[in-house]
Amino acid sequence: MGLRKWYHDTFDDWWFRSLIGPAQTKGAVQGCDEGAREQWKRDLENRKRYTREQRELKRQARS
């Protein structure tokens, strides 16, 4: 219980948040090397393809 209280006392505190600043995503993909960027694009496309396939399977199951 003590750890939970410490966590909320620390991370719910606005002063602490102002020290660490907002979450940053700028350059998350653009800032990496070309190979990593291409792998990220392939991974994203594979995830989208999988989602499309799953959606189609559910659609077929309902018909």
PDB file of N, CA and C in Angstrom:
ATOM      1  N   MET A   1       0.831  -1.203   0.000  1.00  0.00           N
ATOM      2  CA  MET A   1       0.000   0.000   0.000  1.00  0.00           C
ATOM      3  C   MET A   1       0.868   1.257   0.000  1.00  0.00           C
ATOM      4  N   GLY A   2       2.024   1.184   0.648  1.00  0.00           N
ATOM      5  CA  GLY A   2       2.906   2.330   0.710  1.00  0.00           C
ATOM      6  C   GLY A   2       3.437   2.724  -0.657  1.00  0.00           C
ATOM      7  N   LEU A   3       3.732   1.717  -1.490  1.00  0.00           N
ATOM      8  CA  LEU A   3       4.244   1.990  -2.830  1.00  0.00           C
ATOM      9  C   LEU A   3       3.188   2.687  -3.688  1.00  0.00           C
ATOM     10  N   ARG A   4       1.962   2.250  -3.560  1.00  0.00           N
ATOM     11  CA  ARG A   4       0.881   2.879  -4.328  1.00  0.00           C
ATOM     12  C   ARG A   4       0.716   4.345  -3.937  1.00  0.00           C
ATOM     13  N   LYS A   5       0.767   4.613  -2.639  1.00  0.00           N
ATOM     14  CA  LYS A   5       0.647   5.997  -2.171  1.00  0.00           C
ATOM     15  C   LYS A   5       1.815   6.829  -2.692  1.00  0.00           C
ATOM     16  N   TRP A   6       3.052   6.273  -2.604  1.00  0.00           N
ATOM     17  CA  TRP A   6       4.217   6.988  -3.113  1.00  0.00           C
ATOM     18  C   TRP A   6       4.074   7.277  -4.601  1.00  0.00           C
ATOM     19  N   TYR A   7       3.603   6.288  -5.357  1.00  0.00           N
ATOM     20  CA  TYR A   7       3.448   6.457  -6.805  1.00  0.00           C
ATOM     21  C   TYR A   7       2.495   7.615  -7.108  1.00  0.00           C
ATOM     22  N   HIS A   8       1.328   7.625  -6.470  1.00  0.00           N
ATOM     23  CA  HIS A   8       0.348   8.686  -6.720  1.00  0.00           C
ATOM     24  C   HIS A   8       0.818  10.037  -6.195  1.00  0.00           C
ATOM     25  N   ASP A   9       1.474  10.026  -5.066  1.00  0.00           N
ATOM     26  CA  ASP A   9       2.003  11.284  -4.538  1.00  0.00           C
ATOM     27  C   ASP A   9       3.056  11.867  -5.475  1.00  0.00           C
ATOM     28  N   THR A  10       3.825  11.012  -6.113  1.00  0.00           N
ATOM     29  CA  THR A  10       4.894  11.473  -6.996  1.00  0.00           C
ATOM     30  C   THR A  10       4.373  11.822  -8.379  1.00  0.00           C
ATOM     31  N   PHE A  11       3.686  10.890  -9.026  1.00  0.00           N
ATOM     32  CA  PHE A  11       3.336  11.064 -10.436  1.00  0.00           C
ATOM     33  C   PHE A  11       2.055  11.852 -10.662  1.00  0.00           C
ATOM     34  N   ASP A  12       1.236  12.015  -9.651  1.00  0.00           N
ATOM     35  CA  ASP A  12       0.047  12.851  -9.800  1.00  0.00           C
ATOM     36  C   ASP A  12       0.365  14.307  -9.486  1.00  0.00           C
ATOM     37  N   ASP A  13       1.573  14.563  -9.050  1.00  0.00           N
ATOM     38  CA  ASP A  13       1.977  15.902  -8.652  1.00  0.00           C
ATOM     39  C   ASP A  13       2.334  16.746  -9.875  1.00  0.00           C
ATOM     40  N   TRP A  14       1.707  17.891 -10.016  1.00  0.00           N
ATOM     41  CA  TRP A  14       1.942  18.754 -11.179  1.00  0.00           C
ATOM     42  C   TRP A  14       3.360  19.295 -11.220  1.00  0.00           C
ATOM     43  N   TRP A  15       3.964  19.504 -10.066  1.00  0.00           N
ATOM     44  CA  TRP A  15       5.337  19.996 -10.037  1.00  0.00           C
ATOM     45  C   TRP A  15       6.281  18.986 -10.665  1.00  0.00           C
ATOM     46  N   PHE A  16       6.095  17.719 -10.322  1.00  0.00           N
ATOM     47  CA  PHE A  16       6.927  16.671 -10.892  1.00  0.00           C
ATOM     48  C   PHE A  16       6.728  16.588 -12.402  1.00  0.00           C
ATOM     49  N   ARG A  17       5.486  16.661 -12.845  1.00  0.00           N
ATOM     50  CA  ARG A  17       5.202  16.612 -14.280  1.00  0.00           C
ATOM     51  C   ARG A  17       5.851  17.772 -15.018  1.00  0.00           C
ATOM     52  N   SER A  18       5.886  18.927 -14.365  1.00  0.00           N
ATOM     53  CA  SER A  18       6.501  20.081 -15.029  1.00  0.00           C
ATOM     54  C   SER A  18       8.004  19.872 -15.180  1.00  0.00           C
ATOM     55  N   LEU A  19       8.609  19.094 -14.287  1.00  0.00           N
ATOM     56  CA  LEU A  19      10.038  18.800 -14.400  1.00  0.00           C
ATOM     57  C   LEU A  19      10.331  17.869 -15.574  1.00  0.00           C
ATOM     58  N   ILE A  20       9.506  16.835 -15.744  1.00  0.00           N
ATOM     59  CA  ILE A  20       9.795  15.870 -16.802  1.00  0.00           C
ATOM     60  C   ILE A  20       9.262  16.340 -18.149  1.00  0.00           C
ATOM     61  N   GLY A  21       8.321  17.274 -18.161  1.00  0.00           N
ATOM     62  CA  GLY A  21       7.817  17.829 -19.409  1.00  0.00           C
ATOM     63  C   GLY A  21       6.809  16.916 -20.096  1.00  0.00           C
ATOM     64  N   PRO A  22       6.238  17.399 -21.185  1.00  0.00           N
ATOM     65  CA  PRO A  22       5.237  16.611 -21.899  1.00  0.00           C
ATOM     66  C   PRO A  22       5.880  15.458 -22.676  1.00  0.00           C
ATOM     67  N   ALA A  23       5.071  14.474 -23.029  1.00  0.00           N
ATOM     68  CA  ALA A  23       5.557  13.362 -23.849  1.00  0.00           C
ATOM     69  C   ALA A  23       5.932  13.892 -25.225  1.00  0.00           C
ATOM     70  N   GLN A  24       7.021  13.407 -25.760  1.00  0.00           N
ATOM     71  CA  GLN A  24       7.504  13.872 -27.059  1.00  0.00           C
ATOM     72  C   GLN A  24       7.506  12.710 -28.044  1.00  0.00           C
ATOM     73  N   THR A  25       6.993  12.923 -29.239  1.00  0.00           N
ATOM     74  CA  THR A  25       7.059  11.906 -30.285  1.00  0.00           C
ATOM     75  C   THR A  25       7.749  12.434 -31.527  1.00  0.00           C
ATOM     76  N   LYS A  26       8.121  13.700 -31.530  1.00  0.00           N
ATOM     77  CA  LYS A  26       8.771  14.282 -32.701  1.00  0.00           C
ATOM     78  C   LYS A  26      10.089  13.571 -32.979  1.00  0.00           C
ATOM     79  N   GLY A  27      10.264  13.129 -34.205  1.00  0.00           N
ATOM     80  CA  GLY A  27      11.490  12.444 -34.584  1.00  0.00           C
ATOM     81  C   GLY A  27      11.553  10.999 -34.130  1.00  0.00           C
ATOM     82  N   ALA A  28      10.435  10.455 -33.636  1.00  0.00           N
ATOM     83  CA  ALA A  28      10.454   9.081 -33.149  1.00  0.00           C
ATOM     84  C   ALA A  28      10.808   8.112 -34.274  1.00  0.00           C
ATOM     85  N   VAL A  29      10.293   8.348 -35.460  1.00  0.00           N
ATOM     86  CA  VAL A  29      10.620   7.500 -36.599  1.00  0.00           C
ATOM     87  C   VAL A  29      11.597   8.207 -37.511  1.00  0.00           C
ATOM     88  N   GLN A  30      11.392   9.491 -37.749  1.00  0.00           N
ATOM     89  CA  GLN A  30      12.235  10.235 -38.668  1.00  0.00           C
ATOM     90  C   GLN A  30      13.666  10.350 -38.162  1.00  0.00           C
ATOM     91  N   GLY A  31      13.856  10.284 -36.851  1.00  0.00           N
ATOM     92  CA  GLY A  31      15.170  10.474 -36.281  1.00  0.00           C
ATOM     93  C   GLY A  31      16.049   9.241 -36.314  1.00  0.00           C
ATOM     94  N   CYS A  32      15.512   8.103 -36.742  1.00  0.00           N
ATOM     95  CA  CYS A  32      16.310   6.886 -36.740  1.00  0.00           C
ATOM     96  C   CYS A  32      16.966   6.662 -38.104  1.00  0.00           C
ATOM     97  N   ASP A  33      17.793   5.644 -38.199  1.00  0.00           N
ATOM     98  CA  ASP A  33      18.482   5.394 -39.471  1.00  0.00           C
ATOM     99  C   ASP A  33      17.531   4.772 -40.502  1.00  0.00           C
ATOM    100  N   GLU A  34      17.973   4.724 -41.730  1.00  0.00           N
ATOM    101  CA  GLU A  34      17.122   4.294 -42.849  1.00  0.00           C
ATOM    102  C   GLU A  34      16.630   2.854 -42.683  1.00  0.00           C
ATOM    103  N   GLY A  35      17.507   1.955 -42.254  1.00  0.00           N
ATOM    104  CA  GLY A  35      17.102   0.559 -42.072  1.00  0.00           C
ATOM    105  C   GLY A  35      16.013   0.401 -41.031  1.00  0.00           C
ATOM    106  N   ALA A  36      16.168   1.098 -39.922  1.00  0.00           N
ATOM    107  CA  ALA A  36      15.152   1.022 -38.868  1.00  0.00           C
ATOM    108  C   ALA A  36      13.839   1.632 -39.340  1.00  0.00           C
ATOM    109  N   ARG A  37      13.924   2.713 -40.120  1.00  0.00           N
ATOM    110  CA  ARG A  37      12.714   3.351 -40.633  1.00  0.00           C
ATOM    111  C   ARG A  37      11.968   2.410 -41.582  1.00  0.00           C
ATOM    112  N   GLU A  38      12.713   1.720 -42.453  1.00  0.00           N
ATOM    113  CA  GLU A  38      12.079   0.775 -43.382  1.00  0.00           C
ATOM    114  C   GLU A  38      11.464  -0.403 -42.635  1.00  0.00           C
ATOM    115  N   GLN A  39      12.147  -0.890 -41.613  1.00  0.00           N
ATOM    116  CA  GLN A  39      11.597  -1.984 -40.815  1.00  0.00           C
ATOM    117  C   GLN A  39      10.327  -1.540 -40.103  1.00  0.00           C
ATOM    118  N   TRP A  40      10.307  -0.322 -39.603  1.00  0.00           N
ATOM    119  CA  TRP A  40       9.118   0.207 -38.941  1.00  0.00           C
ATOM    120  C   TRP A  40       7.954   0.266 -39.924  1.00  0.00           C
ATOM    121  N   LYS A  41       8.231   0.708 -41.158  1.00  0.00           N
ATOM    122  CA  LYS A  41       7.171   0.780 -42.177  1.00  0.00           C
ATOM    123  C   LYS A  41       6.652  -0.611 -42.513  1.00  0.00           C
ATOM    124  N   ARG A  42       7.559  -1.587 -42.641  1.00  0.00           N
ATOM    125  CA  ARG A  42       7.126  -2.967 -42.935  1.00  0.00           C
ATOM    126  C   ARG A  42       6.279  -3.507 -41.795  1.00  0.00           C
ATOM    127  N   ASP A  43       6.709  -3.266 -40.567  1.00  0.00           N
ATOM    128  CA  ASP A  43       5.962  -3.740 -39.402  1.00  0.00           C
ATOM    129  C   ASP A  43       4.576  -3.114 -39.361  1.00  0.00           C
ATOM    130  N   LEU A  44       4.496  -1.815 -39.635  1.00  0.00           N
ATOM    131  CA  LEU A  44       3.203  -1.132 -39.630  1.00  0.00           C
ATOM    132  C   LEU A  44       2.285  -1.723 -40.701  1.00  0.00           C
ATOM    133  N   GLU A  45       2.813  -1.960 -41.899  1.00  0.00           N
ATOM    134  CA  GLU A  45       2.004  -2.537 -42.970  1.00  0.00           C
ATOM    135  C   GLU A  45       1.547  -3.944 -42.612  1.00  0.00           C
ATOM    136  N   ASN A  46       2.425  -4.732 -41.994  1.00  0.00           N
ATOM    137  CA  ASN A  46       2.030  -6.082 -41.575  1.00  0.00           C
ATOM    138  C   ASN A  46       0.915  -6.034 -40.538  1.00  0.00           C
ATOM    139  N   ARG A  47       0.977  -5.085 -39.620  1.00  0.00           N
ATOM    140  CA  ARG A  47      -0.085  -4.946 -38.611  1.00  0.00           C
ATOM    141  C   ARG A  47      -1.406  -4.547 -39.260  1.00  0.00           C
ATOM    142  N   LYS A  48      -1.339  -3.634 -40.222  1.00  0.00           N
ATOM    143  CA  LYS A  48      -2.559  -3.214 -40.914  1.00  0.00           C
ATOM    144  C   LYS A  48      -3.147  -4.368 -41.718  1.00  0.00           C
ATOM    145  N   ARG A  49      -2.261  -5.140 -42.382  1.00  0.00           N
ATOM    146  CA  ARG A  49      -2.722  -6.286 -43.168  1.00  0.00           C
ATOM    147  C   ARG A  49      -3.398  -7.298 -42.257  1.00  0.00           C
ATOM    148  N   TYR A  50      -2.799  -7.600 -41.108  1.00  0.00           N
ATOM    149  CA  TYR A  50      -3.375  -8.541 -40.166  1.00  0.00           C
ATOM    150  C   TYR A  50      -4.752  -8.072 -39.694  1.00  0.00           C
ATOM    151  N   THR A  51      -4.862  -6.772 -39.404  1.00  0.00           N
ATOM    152  CA  THR A  51      -6.144  -6.220 -38.954  1.00  0.00           C
ATOM    153  C   THR A  51      -7.191  -6.365 -40.049  1.00  0.00           C
ATOM    154  N   ARG A  52      -6.808  -6.078 -41.306  1.00  0.00           N
ATOM    155  CA  ARG A  52      -7.753  -6.234 -42.423  1.00  0.00           C
ATOM    156  C   ARG A  52      -8.197  -7.684 -42.564  1.00  0.00           C
ATOM    157  N   GLU A  53      -7.244  -8.611 -42.442  1.00  0.00           N
ATOM    158  CA  GLU A  53      -7.581 -10.035 -42.551  1.00  0.00           C
ATOM    159  C   GLU A  53      -8.534 -10.462 -41.443  1.00  0.00           C
ATOM    160  N   GLN A  54      -8.260 -10.025 -40.218  1.00  0.00           N
ATOM    161  CA  GLN A  54      -9.132 -10.388 -39.100  1.00  0.00           C
ATOM    162  C   GLN A  54     -10.530  -9.809 -39.278  1.00  0.00           C
ATOM    163  N   ARG A  55     -10.598  -8.569 -39.764  1.00  0.00           N
ATOM    164  CA  ARG A  55     -11.883  -7.941 -40.016  1.00  0.00           C
ATOM    165  C   ARG A  55     -12.668  -8.726 -41.065  1.00  0.00           C
ATOM    166  N   GLU A  56     -11.979  -9.173 -42.115  1.00  0.00           N
ATOM    167  CA  GLU A  56     -12.629  -9.934 -43.178  1.00  0.00           C
ATOM    168  C   GLU A  56     -13.105 -11.295 -42.660  1.00  0.00           C
ATOM    169  N   LEU A  57     -12.308 -11.949 -41.827  1.00  0.00           N
ATOM    170  CA  LEU A  57     -12.728 -13.220 -41.262  1.00  0.00           C
ATOM    171  C   LEU A  57     -13.984 -13.046 -40.400  1.00  0.00           C
ATOM    172  N   LYS A  58     -14.047 -11.995 -39.605  1.00  0.00           N
ATOM    173  CA  LYS A  58     -15.233 -11.737 -38.779  1.00  0.00           C
ATOM    174  C   LYS A  58     -16.439 -11.458 -39.647  1.00  0.00           C
ATOM    175  N   ARG A  59     -16.212 -10.692 -40.727  1.00  0.00           N
ATOM    176  CA  ARG A  59     -17.297 -10.377 -41.653  1.00  0.00           C
ATOM    177  C   ARG A  59     -17.838 -11.651 -42.287  1.00  0.00           C
ATOM    178  N   GLN A  60     -16.952 -12.551 -42.691  1.00  0.00           N
ATOM    179  CA  GLN A  60     -17.371 -13.810 -43.304  1.00  0.00           C
ATOM    180  C   GLN A  60     -18.112 -14.691 -42.306  1.00  0.00           C
ATOM    181  N   ALA A  61     -17.680 -14.685 -41.061  1.00  0.00           N
ATOM    182  CA  ALA A  61     -18.330 -15.485 -40.025  1.00  0.00           C
ATOM    183  C   ALA A  61     -19.756 -15.020 -39.757  1.00  0.00           C
ATOM    184  N   ARG A  62     -19.988 -13.702 -39.886  1.00  0.00           N
ATOM    185  CA  ARG A  62     -21.336 -13.168 -39.650  1.00  0.00           C
ATOM    186  C   ARG A  62     -22.289 -13.471 -40.800  1.00  0.00           C
ATOM    187  N   SER A  63     -21.756 -13.650 -42.012  1.00  0.00           N
ATOM    188  CA  SER A  63     -22.640 -13.868 -43.171  1.00  0.00           C
ATOM    189  C   SER A  63     -23.156 -15.277 -43.243  1.00  0.00           C
TER     190      SER A  63
END
